Every structure is written in structure tokens, then in C-alpha cells.
């Protein structure tokens, strides 16, 4: 129990250091930019290729293709 408490305490002190926070912040910004660019591309594609309601066959294919790639 004491070992867990000490390791948790060390982890919390490491996380709270400015260098660690800076690293995490830069990683999050990079990931956000990457995802944002993809979402904007998808939105533009879908808006440039509209389909009638309940007849979104190409949209469904587009989404399914992306989901399969995950």
C-alpha cells in the first residue's frame, strides 16, 4: 500500500512539472491540428456532394470507407 502511495505521489509531482505540461500541451496541439484538418476535409467533401434525405448512398459509402480504415 505504501509503495502505491509513493509511486502515485512521484507520478503526480512529475506530471505537475512545467516541462511535462509543456510536452503534453504541444502533443495535444499537434494531434488537434491533424484531426481538425481531416474533419474540415470531410465536411467540405460532404457539402460539395449533397444527397437527398434518406438517399445518402454515396455519403454512407464515404463514411463506411473511413470507418473501415480505422
N, C-alpha and C. Protein backbone atom coordinates (compact mmCIF):
# COMPACT_ATOMS: atom_id res chain seq x y z
N UNK A 1 0.83 -1.19 0.00
CA UNK A 1 0.00 0.00 0.00
C UNK A 1 0.87 1.25 0.00
N UNK A 2 1.92 1.23 0.80
CA UNK A 2 2.82 2.38 0.88
C UNK A 2 3.55 2.58 -0.45
N UNK A 3 3.92 1.48 -1.11
CA UNK A 3 4.59 1.59 -2.40
C UNK A 3 3.69 2.26 -3.44
N UNK A 4 2.43 1.89 -3.45
CA UNK A 4 1.49 2.50 -4.37
C UNK A 4 1.33 3.98 -4.08
N UNK A 5 1.27 4.33 -2.82
CA UNK A 5 1.13 5.72 -2.42
C UNK A 5 2.34 6.53 -2.85
N UNK A 6 3.54 5.97 -2.65
CA UNK A 6 4.76 6.67 -3.03
C UNK A 6 4.86 6.81 -4.55
N UNK A 7 4.55 5.77 -5.28
CA UNK A 7 4.64 5.85 -6.74
C UNK A 7 3.61 6.83 -7.29
N UNK A 8 2.43 6.86 -6.70
CA UNK A 8 1.41 7.82 -7.11
C UNK A 8 1.86 9.24 -6.83
N UNK A 9 2.47 9.43 -5.68
CA UNK A 9 2.97 10.75 -5.30
C UNK A 9 4.07 11.22 -6.27
N UNK A 10 4.97 10.31 -6.62
CA UNK A 10 6.04 10.65 -7.56
C UNK A 10 5.47 10.98 -8.94
N UNK A 11 4.49 10.20 -9.37
CA UNK A 11 3.87 10.45 -10.65
C UNK A 11 3.18 11.81 -10.68
N UNK A 12 2.46 12.12 -9.63
CA UNK A 12 1.77 13.42 -9.56
C UNK A 12 2.75 14.58 -9.55
N UNK A 13 3.87 14.42 -8.86
CA UNK A 13 4.85 15.50 -8.84
C UNK A 13 5.52 15.65 -10.21
N UNK A 14 5.72 14.55 -10.92
CA UNK A 14 6.31 14.63 -12.26
C UNK A 14 5.35 15.28 -13.24
N UNK A 15 4.08 14.94 -13.13
CA UNK A 15 3.08 15.49 -14.03
C UNK A 15 2.92 16.99 -13.82
N UNK A 16 3.06 17.44 -12.62
CA UNK A 16 2.83 18.85 -12.33
C UNK A 16 4.02 19.74 -12.69
N UNK A 17 5.11 19.17 -13.17
CA UNK A 17 6.26 19.99 -13.55
C UNK A 17 5.94 20.73 -14.84
N UNK A 18 6.43 21.96 -14.99
CA UNK A 18 6.15 22.74 -16.20
C UNK A 18 6.64 22.07 -17.48
N UNK A 19 7.77 21.38 -17.44
CA UNK A 19 8.29 20.73 -18.65
C UNK A 19 7.33 19.65 -19.14
N UNK A 20 6.81 18.87 -18.21
CA UNK A 20 5.86 17.80 -18.58
C UNK A 20 4.60 18.41 -19.18
N UNK A 21 4.09 19.45 -18.55
CA UNK A 21 2.87 20.11 -19.04
C UNK A 21 3.10 20.68 -20.42
N UNK A 22 4.27 21.23 -20.66
CA UNK A 22 4.59 21.81 -21.97
C UNK A 22 4.63 20.72 -23.04
N UNK A 23 5.24 19.57 -22.71
CA UNK A 23 5.30 18.46 -23.67
C UNK A 23 3.91 17.97 -24.02
N UNK A 24 3.09 17.79 -23.01
CA UNK A 24 1.72 17.31 -23.24
C UNK A 24 0.94 18.33 -24.06
N UNK A 25 1.11 19.60 -23.74
CA UNK A 25 0.39 20.66 -24.45
C UNK A 25 0.77 20.67 -25.93
N UNK A 26 2.05 20.53 -26.24
CA UNK A 26 2.47 20.55 -27.64
C UNK A 26 1.98 19.30 -28.37
N UNK A 27 1.95 18.15 -27.71
CA UNK A 27 1.42 16.93 -28.32
C UNK A 27 -0.07 17.07 -28.62
N UNK A 28 -0.81 17.65 -27.68
CA UNK A 28 -2.24 17.84 -27.87
C UNK A 28 -2.52 18.81 -29.03
N UNK A 29 -1.73 19.88 -29.12
CA UNK A 29 -1.91 20.83 -30.21
C UNK A 29 -1.66 20.17 -31.55
N UNK A 30 -0.63 19.35 -31.63
CA UNK A 30 -0.30 18.66 -32.87
C UNK A 30 -1.40 17.69 -33.26
N UNK A 31 -1.90 16.91 -32.30
CA UNK A 31 -2.98 15.96 -32.57
C UNK A 31 -4.24 16.68 -32.99
N UNK A 32 -4.53 17.80 -32.33
CA UNK A 32 -5.73 18.58 -32.64
C UNK A 32 -5.66 19.12 -34.06
N UNK A 33 -4.49 19.62 -34.46
CA UNK A 33 -4.34 20.16 -35.81
C UNK A 33 -4.57 19.07 -36.85
N UNK A 34 -4.01 17.90 -36.60
CA UNK A 34 -4.16 16.78 -37.54
C UNK A 34 -5.62 16.37 -37.69
N UNK A 35 -6.31 16.25 -36.58
CA UNK A 35 -7.72 15.84 -36.62
C UNK A 35 -8.58 16.94 -37.23
N UNK A 36 -8.30 18.19 -36.88
CA UNK A 36 -9.08 19.31 -37.42
C UNK A 36 -8.99 19.36 -38.93
N UNK A 37 -7.81 19.15 -39.48
CA UNK A 37 -7.64 19.18 -40.93
C UNK A 37 -8.46 18.08 -41.60
N UNK A 38 -8.49 16.89 -40.98
CA UNK A 38 -9.27 15.79 -41.54
C UNK A 38 -10.77 16.09 -41.49
N UNK A 39 -11.23 16.61 -40.37
CA UNK A 39 -12.66 16.91 -40.22
C UNK A 39 -13.10 17.97 -41.22
N UNK A 40 -12.27 18.98 -41.42
CA UNK A 40 -12.59 20.03 -42.39
C UNK A 40 -12.66 19.44 -43.80
N UNK A 41 -11.74 18.55 -44.13
CA UNK A 41 -11.73 17.89 -45.45
C UNK A 41 -13.02 17.09 -45.64
N UNK A 42 -13.41 16.32 -44.61
CA UNK A 42 -14.64 15.52 -44.69
C UNK A 42 -15.87 16.41 -44.87
N UNK A 43 -15.94 17.47 -44.07
CA UNK A 43 -17.09 18.37 -44.13
C UNK A 43 -17.20 18.99 -45.52
N UNK A 44 -16.08 19.45 -46.06
CA UNK A 44 -16.10 20.05 -47.39
C UNK A 44 -16.55 19.05 -48.45
N UNK A 45 -16.04 17.83 -48.36
CA UNK A 45 -16.44 16.79 -49.32
C UNK A 45 -17.94 16.54 -49.25
N UNK A 46 -18.46 16.38 -48.04
CA UNK A 46 -19.88 16.08 -47.89
C UNK A 46 -20.76 17.23 -48.35
N UNK A 47 -20.33 18.46 -48.12
CA UNK A 47 -21.13 19.61 -48.53
C UNK A 47 -21.04 19.85 -50.04
N UNK A 48 -19.95 19.42 -50.65
CA UNK A 48 -19.81 19.58 -52.10
C UNK A 48 -20.54 18.47 -52.86
N UNK A 49 -20.93 17.43 -52.15
CA UNK A 49 -21.62 16.29 -52.77
C UNK A 49 -22.91 15.98 -52.01
N UNK A 50 -23.86 16.90 -52.03
CA UNK A 50 -25.10 16.68 -51.26
C UNK A 50 -25.96 15.58 -51.88
N UNK A 51 -26.74 14.95 -51.02
CA UNK A 51 -27.68 13.93 -51.46
C UNK A 51 -29.03 14.18 -50.79
N UNK A 52 -30.08 13.65 -51.41
CA UNK A 52 -31.41 13.80 -50.85
C UNK A 52 -31.54 13.02 -49.54
N UNK A 53 -32.40 13.52 -48.69
CA UNK A 53 -32.65 12.87 -47.41
C UNK A 53 -33.13 11.44 -47.61
N UNK A 54 -32.63 10.54 -46.80
CA UNK A 54 -32.93 9.11 -46.87
C UNK A 54 -32.41 8.45 -48.15
N UNK A 55 -31.57 9.15 -48.88
CA UNK A 55 -30.95 8.58 -50.09
C UNK A 55 -29.45 8.93 -50.11
N UNK A 56 -28.85 8.88 -48.94
CA UNK A 56 -27.44 9.26 -48.82
C UNK A 56 -26.53 8.06 -49.06
N UNK A 57 -26.63 7.48 -50.24
CA UNK A 57 -25.87 6.27 -50.54
C UNK A 57 -24.37 6.53 -50.65
N UNK A 58 -24.00 7.57 -51.35
CA UNK A 58 -22.58 7.89 -51.50
C UNK A 58 -21.98 8.37 -50.19
N UNK A 59 -22.77 9.11 -49.42
CA UNK A 59 -22.31 9.56 -48.10
C UNK A 59 -22.05 8.35 -47.21
N UNK A 60 -22.95 7.39 -47.25
CA UNK A 60 -22.78 6.17 -46.44
C UNK A 60 -21.52 5.42 -46.85
N UNK A 61 -21.26 5.34 -48.15
CA UNK A 61 -20.04 4.68 -48.63
C UNK A 61 -18.79 5.42 -48.14
N UNK A 62 -18.85 6.75 -48.21
CA UNK A 62 -17.73 7.60 -47.78
C UNK A 62 -17.41 7.37 -46.29
N UNK A 63 -18.45 7.37 -45.47
CA UNK A 63 -18.28 7.18 -44.04
C UNK A 63 -17.80 5.75 -43.74
N UNK A 64 -18.40 4.77 -44.40
CA UNK A 64 -18.02 3.37 -44.18
C UNK A 64 -16.56 3.13 -44.56
N UNK A 65 -16.12 3.75 -45.65
CA UNK A 65 -14.72 3.59 -46.07
C UNK A 65 -13.78 4.11 -44.98
N UNK A 66 -14.11 5.26 -44.43
CA UNK A 66 -13.28 5.82 -43.36
C UNK A 66 -13.29 4.92 -42.12
N UNK A 67 -14.47 4.45 -41.74
CA UNK A 67 -14.57 3.61 -40.55
C UNK A 67 -13.79 2.31 -40.71
N UNK A 68 -13.81 1.75 -41.91
CA UNK A 68 -13.04 0.52 -42.16
C UNK A 68 -11.54 0.78 -42.00
N UNK A 69 -11.10 1.98 -42.39
CA UNK A 69 -9.67 2.28 -42.29
C UNK A 69 -9.20 2.39 -40.83
N UNK A 70 -10.14 2.63 -39.94
CA UNK A 70 -9.77 2.73 -38.51
C UNK A 70 -9.50 1.36 -37.97
